[in-house]
Amino acid sequence: MFANVDWTTIAEATSDTLLMLFASLAITVILGLPLGVALYATGKGRLLENRVVNLVLSFIVNVLRSVPFIILLIVMLPVTVLLVGTSLGVAGAIPPLVVGAAPFYARLVETALREVERGMIEATQAMGGTTWQIVTRVLLPEALPGILAGATVTAIALVGYTAMAGVVGAGGLGDLAIRFGYQRFQTDVMVVTVVLLLIIVQILQVLGDRWVARVSHR
């Protein structure tokens, strides 16, 4: 039934996909979280209102979000080579994955922060709280469920991005599906890779939902 499937190759491709996913997700959160906070804080009527900075950040985020990921992969090839020394394999996939996902996650963080009640911020300001204290002790703790939910959504989006990265030889399940499932018409390989990607997405969603529920009931 799965005559064309090499399970050792499948295992290696799955490992590459997970490595790309979690490495890029970690960097995305590290970059996207402060970017989202900056987008929120510099907005109109916010803690550090600055129209120029907010417009510049919003423009950069919107431009990066509007570029289809498959085009971003190709456009970033020279930059990727400059950063990591190669455009192939897991290492070559991480820079475009981060550039594609970080602006997306930043917007989700900004949205989560907007849900925090204004009264809590004003009360902290009235007690003499600094901007840093408001962000770290009020905004981020109160918005944590939304921030974690955003990380889950971003992780699931990254699974799709890793599959598309196979077009430029990034490795992983996407690369396997393209080289064998599509180009060599090996339907059984395509089916196995798609099922594995679906399983990864389902696991991420379940774990993310449980994490958010646990934080929400603190």
Foldseek 3Di string as FASTA:
>chain_A
DQVPDDVVQQVVQAVQLVVLLVVLLVVLCVQQQVLLVVLQQCDPPHVNPDVVVNVVSVVLLVVLQPDPLLVLLVVCQVVQCVVQVHCAESSNLRVSLSSNLNSQLSNQNNVLLVPFDPVVLVVCVVVVHDPVCCVPPPRCLNSVLSSLLSSLVSSLVSLVSSLSSLVVHHGHLNVQCVVPCPPVVSVSSVVVSVVSSVVVNVVSVVVSVVVSVVSVVD
